[in-house]
Protein backbone atom coordinates (compact mmCIF):
# COMPACT_ATOMS: atom_id res chain seq x y z
CA MET A 1 -29.63 -10.81 5.71
CA THR A 2 -31.08 -7.52 4.52
CA TRP A 3 -29.00 -5.02 2.57
CA CYS A 4 -29.54 -1.25 2.43
CA ILE A 5 -28.86 0.87 -0.61
CA GLU A 6 -27.95 4.37 0.54
CA TRP A 7 -27.56 7.68 -1.27
CA ASN A 8 -24.81 9.96 0.01
CA THR A 9 -25.90 13.61 0.07
CA ALA A 10 -22.28 14.78 0.38
CA PRO A 11 -20.20 12.47 -1.83
CA GLN A 12 -16.46 12.96 -2.20
CA SER A 13 -16.73 11.57 -5.74
CA ASP A 14 -19.27 9.91 -8.03
CA LEU A 15 -18.08 6.52 -6.74
CA ASP A 16 -19.10 7.59 -3.23
CA SER A 17 -22.65 8.65 -4.15
CA ILE A 18 -24.21 5.21 -3.55
CA HIS A 19 -23.33 2.90 -0.67
CA ILE A 20 -24.48 -0.69 0.02
CA ASP A 21 -24.23 -2.22 3.49
CA THR A 22 -26.15 -4.43 5.91
CA VAL A 23 -29.06 -3.01 7.88
CA GLU A 24 -27.19 -3.67 11.13
CA ARG A 25 -24.09 -1.73 10.06
CA VAL A 26 -26.15 1.16 8.68
CA ALA A 27 -28.10 1.43 11.93
CA GLU A 28 -24.93 1.28 14.06
CA ARG A 29 -23.12 3.92 11.97
CA ASN A 30 -26.11 6.27 12.09
CA ARG A 31 -26.52 5.74 15.84
CA ARG A 32 -22.85 6.62 16.46
CA MET A 33 -23.06 9.72 14.29
CA LEU A 34 -26.20 10.94 16.06
CA GLU A 35 -24.59 10.33 19.47
CA GLN A 36 -21.71 12.56 18.34
CA GLY A 37 -24.16 15.29 17.31
CA LYS A 38 -23.60 14.69 13.60
CA VAL A 39 -26.32 14.30 11.00
CA PRO A 40 -25.85 11.21 8.80
CA THR A 41 -25.24 12.05 5.14
CA TYR A 42 -26.34 8.63 3.86
CA PHE A 43 -30.07 8.04 3.39
CA VAL A 44 -31.64 4.66 2.61
CA ILE A 45 -33.22 4.62 -0.84
CA GLY A 46 -33.93 0.89 -0.98
CA VAL A 47 -33.48 -2.51 0.61
CA ALA A 48 -32.66 -5.90 -0.87
CA GLU A 49 -32.35 -9.51 0.21
CA THR A 50 -29.06 -10.14 -1.62
CA PRO A 51 -25.98 -8.08 -2.52
CA GLY A 52 -26.67 -8.73 -6.21
CA GLU A 53 -30.19 -7.36 -5.91
CA ALA A 54 -28.82 -4.35 -4.01
CA ARG A 55 -26.30 -3.65 -6.78
CA GLN A 56 -29.09 -3.80 -9.37
CA ILE A 57 -31.19 -1.32 -7.40
CA ALA A 58 -28.16 0.99 -7.15
CA THR A 59 -27.52 0.70 -10.90
CA ASP A 60 -31.16 1.47 -11.68
CA TYR A 61 -31.14 4.44 -9.29
CA ARG A 62 -28.03 5.91 -10.91
CA ALA A 63 -29.56 5.51 -14.37
CA GLN A 64 -32.73 7.33 -13.29
CA ASN A 65 -30.87 10.04 -11.32
CA PRO A 66 -27.75 11.05 -13.24
């Protein structure tokens, strides 16, 4: 399974600024939003093979982009 690390361009809070989910769910959510005429606010900044690796990428991203 492949995991996406996404950055939220419109977070409600700092906890909502990074999101981790499967490629399939990310694609489905974005497809639905586009069908509704909405622009997705989450953008993929990385991919990982495991949830642990995805969390590490997210941690590193936050440290480099405070």
